[in-house]
Amino acid sequence: MIGELAALGAAISWTVSAILYKRALSQAKPTSANIARLTYTGAILLAFVILIGRSGALTSLSANVIALACISGIIGLGAGDTLYMVSLKSVGVARAVPITCTYPLFNLLWATLWTHETVTFPVVAGAVAIVFGIWLLSQPKRLGETDEPKKVLLKGVVFALATAILWSISITMINIAVKETPDLEHALAVNTIRVIAVAGMLLVVSPIIERGSGFRKLSKKTAATLIAGGIVALGVGWFFLTYSFIETLESRAVPISSTTPLFSTLAGIALLHEKVTARNALGSIMIVTGIFLIFLV
């Protein structure tokens, strides 16, 4: 139960961070935003680990765990999150987030092939219900309603789907790494290392991928928004997901962590007084049903 609740905590954290990223991207390029976000957040996470006296956990990790954490960071946070920000800027939160949240379907495949988990029928049914509910929540209010040109929409959708695949691979690698050091402080250490590793890599290649070092020219407000989003998503959200792998199986934790659109919808209804449509209600019910099925296993 603790593992599943931690996965829910990750989903809520990523709901908040998606909104913050979208605000920052109105003033920054996706590559610049990702470099700044990872660099600042990595430094904050490292300082936090040192301040709470857990720096020994960083040095006690095996070479295999460190390699998995670093590669996971490069794939998920470097490539995956950059594509995620491109899709957010292209098609917005309402369309990009639901598509990227299809990653549990890929994780079910990786869990079977790579970690040899026994994936039960209720878990598969729950994951499918969650993804279908996410699709319902992502639909426009009226058929054919869209503000973006078709080329921009297609680009955003393709990048969002690519993000889902990269995230799924990154998540499975973190799951494998965490299983080797199953305790709270090492989960924090693994998460910190993956952020620092990809931040360092992006800083090294920034002269090539980011001409003019645009990440250094961001306004204070934009930088602060990215730092806030980074702390919520990478510090809190990914720590919750990493910890959930200690307490439960990947095939159970990952579908629950993908329920971000549900919380986005609920926030819109509660805080922005958005109208509840039949499609929103059905989508929310499908997601809750999927979570319920996974919790029952």
C-alpha atoms as a PDB file:
ATOM      1  CA  MET A   1       0.000   0.000   0.000  1.00  0.00           C
ATOM      2  CA  ILE A   2       2.848   2.430   0.812  1.00  0.00           C
ATOM      3  CA  GLY A   3       4.399   1.877  -2.617  1.00  0.00           C
ATOM      4  CA  GLU A   4       1.135   2.590  -4.418  1.00  0.00           C
ATOM      5  CA  LEU A   5       0.553   5.744  -2.348  1.00  0.00           C
ATOM      6  CA  ALA A   6       4.088   6.916  -3.174  1.00  0.00           C
ATOM      7  CA  ALA A   7       3.305   6.425  -6.882  1.00  0.00           C
ATOM      8  CA  LEU A   8       0.202   8.588  -6.431  1.00  0.00           C
ATOM      9  CA  GLY A   9       2.401  11.223  -4.811  1.00  0.00           C
ATOM     10  CA  ALA A  10       4.579  11.193  -7.941  1.00  0.00           C
ATOM     11  CA  ALA A  11       1.529  11.740 -10.165  1.00  0.00           C
ATOM     12  CA  ILE A  12       0.376  14.732  -8.110  1.00  0.00           C
ATOM     13  CA  SER A  13       3.886  16.219  -8.139  1.00  0.00           C
ATOM     14  CA  TRP A  14       4.099  15.930 -11.924  1.00  0.00           C
ATOM     15  CA  THR A  15       0.715  17.639 -12.271  1.00  0.00           C
ATOM     16  CA  VAL A  16       2.112  20.714 -10.547  1.00  0.00           C
ATOM     17  CA  SER A  17       5.420  20.649 -12.450  1.00  0.00           C
ATOM     18  CA  ALA A  18       3.711  20.420 -15.876  1.00  0.00           C
ATOM     19  CA  ILE A  19       1.889  23.687 -15.176  1.00  0.00           C
ATOM     20  CA  LEU A  20       5.108  25.384 -14.030  1.00  0.00           C
ATOM     21  CA  TYR A  21       7.031  24.165 -17.080  1.00  0.00           C
ATOM     22  CA  LYS A  22       4.341  25.413 -19.452  1.00  0.00           C
ATOM     23  CA  ARG A  23       4.581  28.891 -17.898  1.00  0.00           C
ATOM     24  CA  ALA A  24       8.373  28.933 -18.195  1.00  0.00           C
ATOM     25  CA  LEU A  25       8.308  27.702 -21.802  1.00  0.00           C
ATOM     26  CA  SER A  26       6.421  30.814 -22.887  1.00  0.00           C
ATOM     27  CA  GLN A  27       9.691  32.670 -22.243  1.00  0.00           C
ATOM     28  CA  ALA A  28      12.323  29.998 -22.983  1.00  0.00           C
ATOM     29  CA  LYS A  29      13.337  27.442 -25.582  1.00  0.00           C
ATOM     30  CA  PRO A  30      12.854  23.773 -24.538  1.00  0.00           C
ATOM     31  CA  THR A  31      16.595  23.003 -24.635  1.00  0.00           C
ATOM     32  CA  SER A  32      17.507  26.088 -22.596  1.00  0.00           C
ATOM     33  CA  ALA A  33      14.751  25.345 -20.102  1.00  0.00           C
ATOM     34  CA  ASN A  34      15.848  21.732 -19.620  1.00  0.00           C
ATOM     35  CA  ILE A  35      19.530  22.610 -19.136  1.00  0.00           C
ATOM     36  CA  ALA A  36      18.697  25.295 -16.581  1.00  0.00           C
ATOM     37  CA  ARG A  37      16.159  23.116 -14.776  1.00  0.00           C
ATOM     38  CA  LEU A  38      18.498  20.134 -14.438  1.00  0.00           C
ATOM     39  CA  THR A  39      21.565  22.177 -13.486  1.00  0.00           C
ATOM     40  CA  TYR A  40      19.874  24.145 -10.710  1.00  0.00           C
ATOM     41  CA  THR A  41      17.855  21.197  -9.423  1.00  0.00           C
ATOM     42  CA  GLY A  42      20.895  18.903  -9.432  1.00  0.00           C
ATOM     43  CA  ALA A  43      22.865  21.401  -7.350  1.00  0.00           C
ATOM     44  CA  ILE A  44      19.959  21.776  -4.894  1.00  0.00           C
ATOM     45  CA  LEU A  45      19.507  18.007  -4.520  1.00  0.00           C
ATOM     46  CA  LEU A  46      23.229  17.487  -3.910  1.00  0.00           C
ATOM     47  CA  ALA A  47      23.283  20.256  -1.303  1.00  0.00           C
ATOM     48  CA  PHE A  48      20.222  18.732   0.377  1.00  0.00           C
ATOM     49  CA  VAL A  49      21.808  15.270   0.589  1.00  0.00           C
ATOM     50  CA  ILE A  50      24.951  16.764   2.134  1.00  0.00           C
ATOM     51  CA  LEU A  51      23.016  18.963   4.584  1.00  0.00           C
ATOM     52  CA  ILE A  52      20.986  16.050   5.963  1.00  0.00           C
ATOM     53  CA  GLY A  53      24.149  14.001   6.423  1.00  0.00           C
ATOM     54  CA  ARG A  54      23.450  11.362   3.781  1.00  0.00           C
ATOM     55  CA  SER A  55      26.440  11.967   1.502  1.00  0.00           C
ATOM     56  CA  GLY A  56      27.766   8.514   2.432  1.00  0.00           C
ATOM     57  CA  ALA A  57      24.879   6.966   0.515  1.00  0.00           C
ATOM     58  CA  LEU A  58      26.236   8.528  -2.680  1.00  0.00           C
ATOM     59  CA  THR A  59      29.692   6.981  -2.295  1.00  0.00           C
ATOM     60  CA  SER A  60      28.418   3.580  -1.166  1.00  0.00           C
ATOM     61  CA  LEU A  61      26.503   2.848  -4.373  1.00  0.00           C
ATOM     62  CA  SER A  62      27.948   0.122  -6.587  1.00  0.00           C
ATOM     63  CA  ALA A  63      29.378   0.924 -10.012  1.00  0.00           C
ATOM     64  CA  ASN A  64      26.475  -0.912 -11.652  1.00  0.00           C
ATOM     65  CA  VAL A  65      23.863   1.170  -9.796  1.00  0.00           C
ATOM     66  CA  ILE A  66      25.682   4.415 -10.617  1.00  0.00           C
ATOM     67  CA  ALA A  67      25.866   3.446 -14.309  1.00  0.00           C
ATOM     68  CA  LEU A  68      22.160   2.593 -14.395  1.00  0.00           C
ATOM     69  CA  ALA A  69      21.271   5.876 -12.675  1.00  0.00           C
ATOM     70  CA  CYS A  70      23.412   7.927 -15.078  1.00  0.00           C
ATOM     71  CA  ILE A  71      22.137   6.240 -18.243  1.00  0.00           C
ATOM     72  CA  SER A  72      18.563   6.468 -16.965  1.00  0.00           C
ATOM     73  CA  GLY A  73      19.028  10.192 -16.410  1.00  0.00           C
ATOM     74  CA  ILE A  74      20.454  10.780 -19.875  1.00  0.00           C
ATOM     75  CA  ILE A  75      17.626   8.833 -21.547  1.00  0.00           C
ATOM     76  CA  GLY A  76      14.715  10.042 -19.419  1.00  0.00           C
ATOM     77  CA  LEU A  77      15.684  13.503 -18.169  1.00  0.00           C
ATOM     78  CA  GLY A  78      17.987  14.528 -21.007  1.00  0.00           C
ATOM     79  CA  ALA A  79      16.360  13.243 -24.191  1.00  0.00           C
ATOM     80  CA  GLY A  80      12.893  12.418 -22.846  1.00  0.00           C
ATOM     81  CA  ASP A  81      12.227  15.624 -20.926  1.00  0.00           C
ATOM     82  CA  THR A  82      13.570  17.807 -23.742  1.00  0.00           C
ATOM     83  CA  LEU A  83      11.085  16.196 -26.136  1.00  0.00           C
ATOM     84  CA  TYR A  84       8.418  16.584 -23.429  1.00  0.00           C
ATOM     85  CA  MET A  85       9.044  20.327 -23.260  1.00  0.00           C
ATOM     86  CA  VAL A  86       8.932  20.585 -27.050  1.00  0.00           C
ATOM     87  CA  SER A  87       5.557  18.831 -27.040  1.00  0.00           C
ATOM     88  CA  LEU A  88       4.293  21.054 -24.193  1.00  0.00           C
ATOM     89  CA  LYS A  89       5.261  24.150 -26.157  1.00  0.00           C
ATOM     90  CA  SER A  90       3.783  22.769 -29.395  1.00  0.00           C
ATOM     91  CA  VAL A  91       0.413  21.419 -28.286  1.00  0.00           C
ATOM     92  CA  GLY A  92       0.008  22.472 -24.648  1.00  0.00           C
ATOM     93  CA  VAL A  93      -0.472  20.649 -21.360  1.00  0.00           C
ATOM     94  CA  ALA A  94      -3.940  19.284 -22.162  1.00  0.00           C
ATOM     95  CA  ARG A  95      -2.699  17.298 -25.176  1.00  0.00           C
ATOM     96  CA  ALA A  96       0.962  16.614 -24.380  1.00  0.00           C
ATOM     97  CA  VAL A  97       0.536  15.276 -20.838  1.00  0.00           C
ATOM     98  CA  PRO A  98      -2.066  12.598 -21.675  1.00  0.00           C
ATOM     99  CA  ILE A  99       0.000  11.226 -24.568  1.00  0.00           C
ATOM    100  CA  THR A 100       3.218  11.101 -22.550  1.00  0.00           C
ATOM    101  CA  CYS A 101       1.273   9.356 -19.785  1.00  0.00           C
ATOM    102  CA  THR A 102       0.839   6.264 -21.970  1.00  0.00           C
ATOM    103  CA  TYR A 103       4.278   5.122 -20.780  1.00  0.00           C
ATOM    104  CA  PRO A 104       2.778   2.456 -18.428  1.00  0.00           C
ATOM    105  CA  LEU A 105       1.854   0.333 -21.453  1.00  0.00           C
ATOM    106  CA  PHE A 106       5.504   0.257 -22.498  1.00  0.00           C
ATOM    107  CA  ASN A 107       6.601  -0.395 -18.913  1.00  0.00           C
ATOM    108  CA  LEU A 108       4.398  -3.482 -18.742  1.00  0.00           C
ATOM    109  CA  LEU A 109       6.383  -4.834 -21.703  1.00  0.00           C
ATOM    110  CA  TRP A 110       9.763  -3.952 -20.176  1.00  0.00           C
ATOM    111  CA  ALA A 111       8.714  -5.403 -16.796  1.00  0.00           C
ATOM    112  CA  THR A 112       7.999  -8.708 -18.510  1.00  0.00           C
ATOM    113  CA  LEU A 113      11.056  -8.804 -20.789  1.00  0.00           C
ATOM    114  CA  TRP A 114      13.769  -7.190 -18.636  1.00  0.00           C
ATOM    115  CA  THR A 115      12.872  -7.740 -14.984  1.00  0.00           C
ATOM    116  CA  HIS A 116      10.784 -10.904 -15.511  1.00  0.00           C
ATOM    117  CA  GLU A 117       7.902  -9.703 -13.381  1.00  0.00           C
ATOM    118  CA  THR A 118       4.686 -11.690 -13.435  1.00  0.00           C
ATOM    119  CA  VAL A 119       2.170  -9.220 -14.804  1.00  0.00           C
ATOM    120  CA  THR A 120      -1.341 -10.251 -13.706  1.00  0.00           C
ATOM    121  CA  PHE A 121      -4.563  -9.658 -15.630  1.00  0.00           C
ATOM    122  CA  PRO A 122      -5.950  -7.092 -13.121  1.00  0.00           C
ATOM    123  CA  VAL A 123      -2.767  -5.026 -13.503  1.00  0.00           C
ATOM    124  CA  VAL A 124      -2.996  -5.111 -17.312  1.00  0.00           C
ATOM    125  CA  ALA A 125      -6.715  -4.259 -17.149  1.00  0.00           C
ATOM    126  CA  GLY A 126      -5.992  -1.440 -14.713  1.00  0.00           C
ATOM    127  CA  ALA A 127      -3.232  -0.002 -16.917  1.00  0.00           C
ATOM    128  CA  VAL A 128      -5.446  -0.135 -20.015  1.00  0.00           C
ATOM    129  CA  ALA A 129      -8.316   1.524 -18.105  1.00  0.00           C
ATOM    130  CA  ILE A 130      -5.982   4.309 -16.933  1.00  0.00           C
ATOM    131  CA  VAL A 131      -4.636   4.974 -20.429  1.00  0.00           C
ATOM    132  CA  PHE A 132      -8.170   4.959 -21.910  1.00  0.00           C
ATOM    133  CA  GLY A 133      -9.315   7.362 -19.205  1.00  0.00           C
ATOM    134  CA  ILE A 134      -6.351   9.624 -19.985  1.00  0.00           C
ATOM    135  CA  TRP A 135      -7.317   9.579 -23.673  1.00  0.00           C
ATOM    136  CA  LEU A 136     -10.862  10.625 -22.810  1.00  0.00           C
ATOM    137  CA  LEU A 137      -9.620  13.512 -20.672  1.00  0.00           C
ATOM    138  CA  SER A 138      -7.355  14.690 -23.500  1.00  0.00           C
ATOM    139  CA  GLN A 139     -10.120  15.025 -26.078  1.00  0.00           C
ATOM    140  CA  PRO A 140     -11.218  18.541 -27.152  1.00  0.00           C
ATOM    141  CA  LYS A 141     -14.585  19.804 -25.890  1.00  0.00           C
ATOM    142  CA  ARG A 142     -15.985  19.737 -29.418  1.00  0.00           C
ATOM    143  CA  LEU A 143     -15.138  17.348 -32.207  1.00  0.00           C
ATOM    144  CA  GLY A 144     -12.451  18.769 -34.479  1.00  0.00           C
ATOM    145  CA  GLU A 145     -11.632  21.595 -32.084  1.00  0.00           C
ATOM    146  CA  THR A 146      -7.972  22.565 -32.264  1.00  0.00           C
ATOM    147  CA  ASP A 147      -6.030  25.801 -32.303  1.00  0.00           C
ATOM    148  CA  GLU A 148      -2.798  24.440 -33.782  1.00  0.00           C
ATOM    149  CA  PRO A 149      -1.890  23.865 -37.435  1.00  0.00           C
ATOM    150  CA  LYS A 150      -1.824  20.169 -38.394  1.00  0.00           C
ATOM    151  CA  LYS A 151       1.970  20.093 -38.782  1.00  0.00           C
ATOM    152  CA  VAL A 152       2.507  21.584 -35.331  1.00  0.00           C
ATOM    153  CA  LEU A 153      -0.050  19.217 -33.825  1.00  0.00           C
ATOM    154  CA  LEU A 154       1.568  16.183 -35.484  1.00  0.00           C
ATOM    155  CA  LYS A 155       5.025  17.272 -34.293  1.00  0.00           C
ATOM    156  CA  GLY A 156       3.786  17.673 -30.745  1.00  0.00           C
ATOM    157  CA  VAL A 157       2.043  14.274 -30.762  1.00  0.00           C
ATOM    158  CA  VAL A 158       5.073  12.448 -32.202  1.00  0.00           C
ATOM    159  CA  PHE A 159       7.409  14.050 -29.652  1.00  0.00           C
ATOM    160  CA  ALA A 160       4.993  13.259 -26.817  1.00  0.00           C
ATOM    161  CA  LEU A 161       4.831   9.596 -27.865  1.00  0.00           C
ATOM    162  CA  ALA A 162       8.629   9.432 -28.152  1.00  0.00           C
ATOM    163  CA  THR A 163       8.786  10.915 -24.656  1.00  0.00           C
ATOM    164  CA  ALA A 164       6.568   8.115 -23.333  1.00  0.00           C
ATOM    165  CA  ILE A 165       8.886   5.446 -24.783  1.00  0.00           C
ATOM    166  CA  LEU A 166      12.049   7.098 -23.431  1.00  0.00           C
ATOM    167  CA  TRP A 167      10.476   7.607 -20.001  1.00  0.00           C
ATOM    168  CA  SER A 168       9.430   3.962 -19.841  1.00  0.00           C
ATOM    169  CA  ILE A 169      12.983   2.793 -20.534  1.00  0.00           C
ATOM    170  CA  SER A 170      14.418   5.245 -18.006  1.00  0.00           C
ATOM    171  CA  ILE A 171      11.925   4.170 -15.327  1.00  0.00           C
ATOM    172  CA  THR A 172      12.712   0.480 -15.786  1.00  0.00           C
ATOM    173  CA  MET A 173      16.440   1.174 -15.420  1.00  0.00           C
ATOM    174  CA  ILE A 174      15.797   3.070 -12.169  1.00  0.00           C
ATOM    175  CA  ASN A 175      13.682   0.184 -10.929  1.00  0.00           C
ATOM    176  CA  ILE A 176      16.570  -2.226 -11.552  1.00  0.00           C
ATOM    177  CA  ALA A 177      19.021   0.125  -9.797  1.00  0.00           C
ATOM    178  CA  VAL A 178      16.795   0.638  -6.748  1.00  0.00           C
ATOM    179  CA  LYS A 179      16.206  -3.081  -6.284  1.00  0.00           C
ATOM    180  CA  GLU A 180      19.946  -3.484  -5.645  1.00  0.00           C
ATOM    181  CA  THR A 181      19.893  -0.944  -2.783  1.00  0.00           C
ATOM    182  CA  PRO A 182      16.369  -1.159  -1.312  1.00  0.00           C
ATOM    183  CA  ASP A 183      16.277   1.550   1.344  1.00  0.00           C
ATOM    184  CA  LEU A 184      15.147   5.160   1.628  1.00  0.00           C
ATOM    185  CA  GLU A 185      18.501   6.968   1.703  1.00  0.00           C
ATOM    186  CA  HIS A 186      19.868   5.034  -1.278  1.00  0.00           C
ATOM    187  CA  ALA A 187      16.688   5.799  -3.230  1.00  0.00           C
ATOM    188  CA  LEU A 188      17.435   9.482  -2.615  1.00  0.00           C
ATOM    189  CA  ALA A 189      21.063   8.948  -3.649  1.00  0.00           C
ATOM    190  CA  VAL A 190      20.105   7.196  -6.901  1.00  0.00           C
ATOM    191  CA  ASN A 191      17.691   9.983  -7.797  1.00  0.00           C
ATOM    192  CA  THR A 192      20.310  12.663  -7.033  1.00  0.00           C
ATOM    193  CA  ILE A 193      22.997  10.977  -9.128  1.00  0.00           C
ATOM    194  CA  ARG A 194      20.757  10.613 -12.187  1.00  0.00           C
ATOM    195  CA  VAL A 195      19.923  14.337 -12.114  1.00  0.00           C
ATOM    196  CA  ILE A 196      23.545  15.427 -11.602  1.00  0.00           C
ATOM    197  CA  ALA A 197      24.786  13.084 -14.340  1.00  0.00           C
ATOM    198  CA  VAL A 198      22.471  14.393 -17.032  1.00  0.00           C
ATOM    199  CA  ALA A 199      22.985  18.015 -15.923  1.00  0.00           C
ATOM    200  CA  GLY A 200      26.741  17.597 -16.282  1.00  0.00           C
ATOM    201  CA  MET A 201      26.380  15.973 -19.688  1.00  0.00           C
ATOM    202  CA  LEU A 202      24.103  18.738 -20.984  1.00  0.00           C
ATOM    203  CA  LEU A 203      26.461  21.446 -19.731  1.00  0.00           C
ATOM    204  CA  VAL A 204      29.355  19.791 -21.579  1.00  0.00           C
ATOM    205  CA  VAL A 205      27.466  19.525 -24.877  1.00  0.00           C
ATOM    206  CA  SER A 206      25.600  22.825 -24.475  1.00  0.00           C
ATOM    207  CA  PRO A 207      27.945  24.710 -26.892  1.00  0.00           C
ATOM    208  CA  ILE A 208      26.807  22.254 -29.579  1.00  0.00           C
ATOM    209  CA  ILE A 209      23.081  21.890 -28.841  1.00  0.00           C
ATOM    210  CA  GLU A 210      22.497  25.363 -27.405  1.00  0.00           C
ATOM    211  CA  ARG A 211      24.258  28.066 -29.393  1.00  0.00           C
ATOM    212  CA  GLY A 212      24.651  31.284 -27.468  1.00  0.00           C
ATOM    213  CA  SER A 213      24.139  29.539 -24.109  1.00  0.00           C
ATOM    214  CA  GLY A 214      20.536  30.644 -23.908  1.00  0.00           C
ATOM    215  CA  PHE A 215      20.048  28.923 -20.560  1.00  0.00           C
ATOM    216  CA  ARG A 216      22.333  31.549 -18.989  1.00  0.00           C
ATOM    217  CA  LYS A 217      20.220  34.411 -20.302  1.00  0.00           C
ATOM    218  CA  LEU A 218      16.886  33.396 -18.813  1.00  0.00           C
ATOM    219  CA  SER A 219      15.068  35.996 -16.744  1.00  0.00           C
ATOM    220  CA  LYS A 220      15.007  35.550 -12.974  1.00  0.00           C
ATOM    221  CA  LYS A 221      11.277  34.842 -13.056  1.00  0.00           C
ATOM    222  CA  THR A 222      11.633  32.145 -15.722  1.00  0.00           C
ATOM    223  CA  ALA A 223      14.604  30.580 -13.938  1.00  0.00           C
ATOM    224  CA  ALA A 224      12.711  30.575 -10.633  1.00  0.00           C
ATOM    225  CA  THR A 225       9.712  28.883 -12.274  1.00  0.00           C
ATOM    226  CA  LEU A 226      11.962  26.202 -13.785  1.00  0.00           C
ATOM    227  CA  ILE A 227      13.714  25.633 -10.455  1.00  0.00           C
ATOM    228  CA  ALA A 228      10.349  25.279  -8.695  1.00  0.00           C
ATOM    229  CA  GLY A 229       9.177  22.823 -11.356  1.00  0.00           C
ATOM    230  CA  GLY A 230      12.448  20.913 -11.143  1.00  0.00           C
ATOM    231  CA  ILE A 231      12.284  20.564  -7.371  1.00  0.00           C
ATOM    232  CA  VAL A 232       8.663  19.387  -7.494  1.00  0.00           C
ATOM    233  CA  ALA A 233       9.173  16.959 -10.402  1.00  0.00           C
ATOM    234  CA  LEU A 234      12.753  15.732  -9.980  1.00  0.00           C
ATOM    235  CA  GLY A 235      13.159  16.159  -6.249  1.00  0.00           C
ATOM    236  CA  VAL A 236       9.736  15.204  -4.908  1.00  0.00           C
ATOM    237  CA  GLY A 237       8.032  13.348  -7.782  1.00  0.00           C
ATOM    238  CA  TRP A 238      10.920  11.143  -8.854  1.00  0.00           C
ATOM    239  CA  PHE A 239      11.844  10.420  -5.238  1.00  0.00           C
ATOM    240  CA  PHE A 240       8.284   9.196  -4.647  1.00  0.00           C
ATOM    241  CA  LEU A 241       8.446   6.965  -7.729  1.00  0.00           C
ATOM    242  CA  THR A 242      11.905   5.655  -6.835  1.00  0.00           C
ATOM    243  CA  TYR A 243      10.730   4.868  -3.312  1.00  0.00           C
ATOM    244  CA  SER A 244       7.610   3.145  -4.652  1.00  0.00           C
ATOM    245  CA  PHE A 245       9.853   0.639  -6.449  1.00  0.00           C
ATOM    246  CA  ILE A 246      11.241  -0.403  -3.053  1.00  0.00           C
ATOM    247  CA  GLU A 247       7.753  -1.129  -1.719  1.00  0.00           C
ATOM    248  CA  THR A 248       5.967  -2.590  -4.746  1.00  0.00           C
ATOM    249  CA  LEU A 249       6.410  -3.919  -8.306  1.00  0.00           C
ATOM    250  CA  GLU A 250       7.112  -1.715 -11.318  1.00  0.00           C
ATOM    251  CA  SER A 251       4.007  -3.069 -13.077  1.00  0.00           C
ATOM    252  CA  ARG A 252       1.873  -1.746 -10.187  1.00  0.00           C
ATOM    253  CA  ALA A 253       3.637   1.542  -9.409  1.00  0.00           C
ATOM    254  CA  VAL A 254       4.079   2.881 -12.945  1.00  0.00           C
ATOM    255  CA  PRO A 255       0.404   2.873 -14.086  1.00  0.00           C
ATOM    256  CA  ILE A 256      -0.585   4.677 -10.873  1.00  0.00           C
ATOM    257  CA  SER A 257       2.156   7.276 -11.398  1.00  0.00           C
ATOM    258  CA  SER A 258       0.706   8.087 -14.833  1.00  0.00           C
ATOM    259  CA  THR A 259      -2.584   9.452 -13.466  1.00  0.00           C
ATOM    260  CA  THR A 260      -1.392  13.073 -13.696  1.00  0.00           C
ATOM    261  CA  PRO A 261      -4.229  14.087 -16.096  1.00  0.00           C
ATOM    262  CA  LEU A 262      -6.810  13.040 -13.504  1.00  0.00           C
ATOM    263  CA  PHE A 263      -5.376  15.466 -10.962  1.00  0.00           C
ATOM    264  CA  SER A 264      -5.081  18.155 -13.648  1.00  0.00           C
ATOM    265  CA  THR A 265      -8.782  17.768 -14.391  1.00  0.00           C
ATOM    266  CA  LEU A 266      -9.761  17.785 -10.726  1.00  0.00           C
ATOM    267  CA  ALA A 267      -7.647  20.907 -10.143  1.00  0.00           C
ATOM    268  CA  GLY A 268      -9.344  22.642 -13.069  1.00  0.00           C
ATOM    269  CA  ILE A 269     -12.774  21.821 -11.665  1.00  0.00           C
ATOM    270  CA  ALA A 270     -11.961  22.742  -8.061  1.00  0.00           C
ATOM    271  CA  LEU A 271      -9.746  25.797  -8.581  1.00  0.00           C
ATOM    272  CA  LEU A 272     -10.781  27.179 -11.951  1.00  0.00           C
ATOM    273  CA  HIS A 273     -14.464  26.177 -11.775  1.00  0.00           C
ATOM    274  CA  GLU A 274     -14.289  24.390 -15.112  1.00  0.00           C
ATOM    275  CA  LYS A 275     -17.454  22.622 -16.279  1.00  0.00           C
ATOM    276  CA  VAL A 276     -17.651  18.852 -15.758  1.00  0.00           C
ATOM    277  CA  THR A 277     -18.431  17.197 -19.106  1.00  0.00           C
ATOM    278  CA  ALA A 278     -19.632  13.628 -19.619  1.00  0.00           C
ATOM    279  CA  ARG A 279     -16.289  12.803 -21.250  1.00  0.00           C
ATOM    280  CA  ASN A 280     -14.338  14.198 -18.286  1.00  0.00           C
ATOM    281  CA  ALA A 281     -16.518  12.296 -15.850  1.00  0.00           C
ATOM    282  CA  LEU A 282     -16.135   9.005 -17.748  1.00  0.00           C
ATOM    283  CA  GLY A 283     -12.384   9.498 -18.156  1.00  0.00           C
ATOM    284  CA  SER A 284     -11.976  10.189 -14.445  1.00  0.00           C
ATOM    285  CA  ILE A 285     -14.060   7.115 -13.573  1.00  0.00           C
ATOM    286  CA  MET A 286     -11.924   4.929 -15.872  1.00  0.00           C
ATOM    287  CA  ILE A 287      -8.705   6.168 -14.257  1.00  0.00           C
ATOM    288  CA  VAL A 288     -10.029   5.652 -10.726  1.00  0.00           C
ATOM    289  CA  THR A 289     -11.239   2.177 -11.728  1.00  0.00           C
ATOM    290  CA  GLY A 290      -7.782   1.356 -13.104  1.00  0.00           C
ATOM    291  CA  ILE A 291      -6.115   2.487  -9.885  1.00  0.00           C
ATOM    292  CA  PHE A 292      -8.619   0.436  -7.872  1.00  0.00           C
ATOM    293  CA  LEU A 293      -7.853  -2.701  -9.892  1.00  0.00           C
ATOM    294  CA  ILE A 294      -4.118  -2.306  -9.337  1.00  0.00           C
ATOM    295  CA  PHE A 295      -4.544  -1.645  -5.607  1.00  0.00           C
ATOM    296  CA  LEU A 296      -6.619  -4.821  -5.268  1.00  0.00           C
ATOM    297  CA  VAL A 297      -3.880  -7.106  -6.607  1.00  0.00           C
END
